[in-house]
Amino acid sequence: MTWFEALIVLTAGVGAGTINSVVGSGTLITFPALLAIGIPPVIANVSNTVGLAPGTAAGIFGYRRELAGQRGRILRLVPASLLGAVVGGVLLLKLPSSAFKAIVPGLILLACLLVLLQPWLSQKIQLPDGAHHRGAWWVWPAIVAAGVYGGYFGAAQGVLMMAILGIGLDPNLQRMNGIKNVLATVVNSVAALLFIVFADVNWLVVALIAVGSTVGGLLGGRYGRRLPPVALRALIAIVGVTAVVTMVL
């Protein structure tokens, strides 16, 4: 790898880390960059996943203010993401990628629509008294399903999580974004561990993306948390649609 190619990967890592902390789908930046410099697709996918894990964790730090007072929610939902990620990782090792690719675009578009309709849906869904902190009953299994998706495929999992959390748990998207960063870190860490053990990893690529995505995660946490709800919903929808277009083409 030349110094110029290394700079491309590092810069892509910064961009991916930034967008991951705010929305998700940073893979849409780093994966094409790795292919462009000649990294084989499988090694690019594996190394990208491992490298982005630290950046997702940095997003947690950036959104630490939004996480205040949500310890109970996090403790309830982390096991759901962990369970889903393990199942998704096992499926990744056992099933062909075509098994999920057929339904992923529709799933992401549905999530984008739900995020855009979230204020209206949140008003229509009446939670029982005392359930506003815990959320709707279906949030936990839905986060398990999102974890399966994230552990197996990964791209745009943040869009799915934001739709689930914003509708079933709390309409405050910035607070839910903080929780999303925690859950995505759990899922990505499980996937990264599986790849390290069972796949070939390009450690130079991992190092460059890890450094870049960590810087980006901190930047996203610093500036992304200032976005008004309407702008955040629009950004989520744009990223989701872009992910679908990228997958289809």
Protein backbone atom coordinates (compact mmCIF):
# COMPACT_ATOMS: atom_id res chain seq x y z
CA MET A 1 0.00 0.00 0.00
CA THR A 2 1.37 3.40 -1.00
CA TRP A 3 1.26 6.43 1.29
CA PHE A 4 -1.45 7.96 -0.90
CA GLU A 5 -3.61 4.83 -0.64
CA ALA A 6 -3.05 4.83 3.12
CA LEU A 7 -4.25 8.45 3.23
CA ILE A 8 -7.38 7.48 1.30
CA VAL A 9 -8.18 4.70 3.78
CA LEU A 10 -7.49 6.94 6.77
CA THR A 11 -9.72 9.71 5.39
CA ALA A 12 -12.48 7.23 4.59
CA GLY A 13 -12.22 5.98 8.17
CA VAL A 14 -12.77 9.49 9.51
CA GLY A 15 -15.86 9.91 7.33
CA ALA A 16 -17.21 6.49 8.29
CA GLY A 17 -16.67 7.08 11.99
CA THR A 18 -18.45 10.43 11.80
CA ILE A 19 -21.52 9.11 10.01
CA ASN A 20 -21.63 5.96 12.15
CA SER A 21 -21.92 7.97 15.36
CA VAL A 22 -24.74 10.09 13.92
CA VAL A 23 -26.68 7.60 11.81
CA GLY A 24 -24.81 4.44 10.84
CA SER A 25 -23.75 3.00 7.48
CA GLY A 26 -20.16 4.22 7.56
CA THR A 27 -19.33 1.07 5.61
CA LEU A 28 -20.72 2.85 2.54
CA ILE A 29 -17.62 5.06 2.69
CA THR A 30 -14.84 2.70 3.72
CA PHE A 31 -15.73 -0.45 1.80
CA PRO A 32 -15.74 1.19 -1.67
CA ALA A 33 -12.48 2.98 -0.75
CA LEU A 34 -10.82 -0.35 0.05
CA LEU A 35 -12.03 -1.89 -3.20
CA ALA A 36 -10.76 1.15 -5.11
CA ILE A 37 -7.19 0.63 -3.90
CA GLY A 38 -7.26 -3.07 -4.82
CA ILE A 39 -8.12 -4.83 -1.56
CA PRO A 40 -9.98 -8.10 -2.34
CA PRO A 41 -13.70 -7.87 -1.39
CA VAL A 42 -13.72 -10.52 1.34
CA ILE A 43 -10.59 -9.20 3.04
CA ALA A 44 -11.93 -5.64 2.63
CA ASN A 45 -15.22 -6.56 4.32
CA VAL A 46 -13.51 -8.36 7.20
CA SER A 47 -10.84 -5.70 7.80
CA ASN A 48 -13.39 -2.90 7.51
CA THR A 49 -15.62 -4.44 10.19
CA VAL A 50 -12.73 -4.91 12.60
CA GLY A 51 -11.38 -1.41 11.95
CA LEU A 52 -14.71 0.36 12.45
CA ALA A 53 -15.37 -1.16 15.87
CA PRO A 54 -13.24 1.40 17.81
CA GLY A 55 -14.91 4.27 15.97
CA THR A 56 -18.36 3.07 17.01
CA ALA A 57 -17.16 2.94 20.60
CA ALA A 58 -15.89 6.52 20.27
CA GLY A 59 -19.42 7.54 19.34
CA ILE A 60 -20.55 6.40 22.78
CA PHE A 61 -18.18 8.89 24.38
CA GLY A 62 -19.39 11.63 22.05
CA TYR A 63 -23.00 11.01 23.08
CA ARG A 64 -22.31 10.50 26.79
CA ARG A 65 -24.57 13.44 27.75
CA GLU A 66 -27.52 11.91 25.91
CA LEU A 67 -26.88 8.60 27.71
CA ALA A 68 -27.27 10.17 31.15
CA GLY A 69 -30.18 8.59 33.03
CA GLN A 70 -30.56 5.72 30.56
CA ARG A 71 -28.53 3.08 32.37
CA GLY A 72 -31.57 0.86 32.95
CA ARG A 73 -32.56 0.95 29.29
CA ILE A 74 -29.04 0.10 28.20
CA LEU A 75 -28.73 -2.81 30.62
CA ARG A 76 -31.99 -4.26 29.29
CA LEU A 77 -31.15 -3.85 25.60
CA VAL A 78 -27.46 -4.81 25.48
CA PRO A 79 -28.22 -8.53 26.04
CA ALA A 80 -30.68 -8.34 23.12
CA SER A 81 -27.99 -6.96 20.80
CA LEU A 82 -25.45 -9.46 22.10
CA LEU A 83 -27.80 -12.40 21.47
CA GLY A 84 -28.70 -11.15 18.01
CA ALA A 85 -25.07 -10.49 17.06
CA VAL A 86 -24.00 -14.00 18.04
CA VAL A 87 -26.82 -15.55 16.00
CA GLY A 88 -26.02 -13.26 13.06
CA GLY A 89 -22.31 -14.09 13.27
CA VAL A 90 -23.04 -17.82 13.22
CA LEU A 91 -25.31 -17.33 10.20
CA LEU A 92 -22.52 -15.39 8.52
CA LEU A 93 -20.21 -18.37 8.85
CA LYS A 94 -22.86 -20.86 7.71
CA LEU A 95 -25.05 -19.21 5.07
CA PRO A 96 -24.35 -17.53 1.72
CA SER A 97 -24.68 -13.73 1.71
CA SER A 98 -27.46 -13.96 -0.89
CA ALA A 99 -29.77 -15.31 1.82
CA PHE A 100 -30.13 -11.83 3.36
CA LYS A 101 -29.35 -9.56 0.43
CA ALA A 102 -32.73 -10.28 -1.13
CA ILE A 103 -34.66 -8.71 1.75
CA VAL A 104 -32.17 -6.14 3.05
CA PRO A 105 -33.06 -3.25 0.64
CA GLY A 106 -36.76 -3.48 1.48
CA LEU A 107 -35.98 -3.69 5.18
CA ILE A 108 -33.86 -0.54 5.07
CA LEU A 109 -36.46 1.40 3.07
CA LEU A 110 -39.11 0.38 5.60
CA ALA A 111 -36.87 1.61 8.42
CA CYS A 112 -36.38 4.96 6.66
CA LEU A 113 -40.14 5.35 6.28
CA LEU A 114 -40.69 4.52 9.95
CA VAL A 115 -38.10 7.09 11.02
CA LEU A 116 -39.79 9.79 8.92
CA LEU A 117 -43.22 8.86 10.33
CA GLN A 118 -41.87 8.43 13.86
CA PRO A 119 -43.48 11.57 15.42
CA TRP A 120 -46.91 10.56 14.12
CA LEU A 121 -46.48 6.90 15.03
CA SER A 122 -45.23 7.74 18.53
CA GLN A 123 -48.42 9.69 19.17
CA LYS A 124 -50.58 6.84 17.90
CA ILE A 125 -48.82 4.15 19.95
CA GLN A 126 -50.05 4.51 23.51
CA LEU A 127 -47.74 2.81 25.99
CA PRO A 128 -49.26 1.52 29.25
CA ASP A 129 -48.76 3.62 32.37
CA GLY A 130 -45.26 3.13 33.75
CA ALA A 131 -43.94 1.68 30.47
CA HIS A 132 -42.54 4.89 29.01
CA HIS A 133 -39.08 4.26 30.41
CA ARG A 134 -38.99 0.59 29.43
CA GLY A 135 -40.67 1.04 26.05
CA ALA A 136 -43.09 -1.16 24.13
CA TRP A 137 -42.91 -4.92 24.67
CA TRP A 138 -41.74 -5.52 21.11
CA VAL A 139 -38.61 -3.34 21.38
CA TRP A 140 -36.48 -6.10 22.96
CA PRO A 141 -37.18 -8.79 20.31
CA ALA A 142 -36.89 -6.17 17.57
CA ILE A 143 -33.41 -5.23 18.84
CA VAL A 144 -32.51 -8.95 18.81
CA ALA A 145 -33.58 -9.07 15.16
CA ALA A 146 -31.56 -5.92 14.41
CA GLY A 147 -28.58 -7.57 16.09
CA VAL A 148 -28.96 -10.65 13.89
CA TYR A 149 -29.01 -8.38 10.85
CA GLY A 150 -26.02 -6.38 12.08
CA GLY A 151 -23.98 -9.44 12.96
CA TYR A 152 -24.66 -11.00 9.58
CA PHE A 153 -24.67 -8.05 7.20
CA GLY A 154 -24.10 -4.80 9.07
CA ALA A 155 -24.67 -1.96 6.59
CA ALA A 156 -27.36 0.51 7.74
CA GLN A 157 -28.05 -1.33 10.99
CA GLY A 158 -28.12 2.10 12.66
CA VAL A 159 -31.10 3.08 10.50
CA LEU A 160 -33.01 0.01 11.67
CA MET A 161 -32.13 0.60 15.32
CA MET A 162 -33.18 4.25 15.18
CA ALA A 163 -36.56 3.28 13.75
CA ILE A 164 -37.12 0.71 16.51
CA LEU A 165 -35.93 2.90 19.38
CA GLY A 166 -37.58 6.11 18.18
CA ILE A 167 -41.01 4.52 17.81
CA GLY A 168 -41.10 1.98 20.62
CA LEU A 169 -38.93 3.53 23.32
CA ASP A 170 -38.46 7.32 23.20
CA PRO A 171 -39.27 9.92 20.50
CA ASN A 172 -36.14 11.92 21.44
CA LEU A 173 -33.88 10.85 18.56
CA GLN A 174 -30.68 12.27 20.02
CA ARG A 175 -31.13 10.26 23.23
CA MET A 176 -31.93 7.18 21.15
CA ASN A 177 -28.87 7.83 19.02
CA GLY A 178 -26.76 7.48 22.16
CA ILE A 179 -28.30 4.09 22.90
CA LYS A 180 -27.93 3.11 19.24
CA ASN A 181 -24.19 3.74 19.47
CA VAL A 182 -23.94 1.44 22.50
CA LEU A 183 -25.91 -1.35 20.83
CA ALA A 184 -24.06 -1.00 17.52
CA THR A 185 -20.75 -1.23 19.39
CA VAL A 186 -21.88 -4.52 20.93
CA VAL A 187 -22.90 -5.93 17.55
CA ASN A 188 -19.77 -4.72 15.74
CA SER A 189 -17.48 -6.03 18.47
CA VAL A 190 -18.98 -9.52 18.26
CA ALA A 191 -18.62 -9.51 14.46
CA ALA A 192 -15.05 -8.23 14.75
CA LEU A 193 -14.08 -10.99 17.18
CA LEU A 194 -15.55 -13.63 14.88
CA PHE A 195 -13.64 -12.24 11.91
CA ILE A 196 -10.37 -12.06 13.84
CA VAL A 197 -10.68 -15.72 14.84
CA PHE A 198 -12.10 -17.21 11.65
CA ALA A 199 -11.05 -14.96 8.74
CA ASP A 200 -8.02 -13.29 7.15
CA VAL A 201 -7.50 -9.71 8.31
CA ASN A 202 -5.37 -6.98 6.73
CA TRP A 203 -4.02 -5.39 9.90
CA LEU A 204 -2.65 -2.28 8.18
CA VAL A 205 -6.13 -1.53 6.85
CA VAL A 206 -7.57 -2.23 10.30
CA ALA A 207 -5.13 0.19 11.95
CA LEU A 208 -5.81 2.99 9.47
CA ILE A 209 -9.60 2.64 9.69
CA ALA A 210 -9.48 2.28 13.46
CA VAL A 211 -7.56 5.55 13.87
CA GLY A 212 -9.69 7.39 11.33
CA SER A 213 -13.03 6.09 12.60
CA THR A 214 -12.13 6.91 16.21
CA VAL A 215 -11.42 10.52 15.23
CA GLY A 216 -14.62 10.55 13.17
CA GLY A 217 -16.65 9.06 16.01
CA LEU A 218 -15.55 11.85 18.31
CA LEU A 219 -16.33 14.49 15.65
CA GLY A 220 -19.75 12.99 15.02
CA GLY A 221 -20.51 12.96 18.72
CA ARG A 222 -19.44 16.59 19.04
CA TYR A 223 -21.40 18.00 16.11
CA GLY A 224 -24.03 15.38 15.25
CA ARG A 225 -25.73 15.72 18.62
CA ARG A 226 -26.51 19.35 17.73
CA LEU A 227 -28.68 18.42 14.75
CA PRO A 228 -32.38 19.28 15.17
CA PRO A 229 -34.80 16.31 14.99
CA VAL A 230 -36.02 17.15 11.47
CA ALA A 231 -32.45 17.32 10.12
CA LEU A 232 -31.52 14.07 11.84
CA ARG A 233 -34.53 12.27 10.38
CA ALA A 234 -33.70 13.60 6.93
CA LEU A 235 -30.06 12.48 7.28
CA ILE A 236 -31.15 9.00 8.37
CA ALA A 237 -33.47 8.72 5.36
CA ILE A 238 -30.79 9.94 2.93
CA VAL A 239 -28.22 7.48 4.28
CA GLY A 240 -30.73 4.63 4.20
CA VAL A 241 -31.76 5.29 0.59
CA THR A 242 -28.11 5.62 -0.42
CA ALA A 243 -27.40 2.26 1.19
CA VAL A 244 -30.23 0.64 -0.76
CA VAL A 245 -29.08 2.15 -4.07
CA THR A 246 -25.52 1.00 -3.40
CA MET A 247 -26.65 -2.55 -2.62
CA VAL A 248 -28.96 -2.82 -5.63
CA LEU A 249 -26.41 -1.47 -8.08
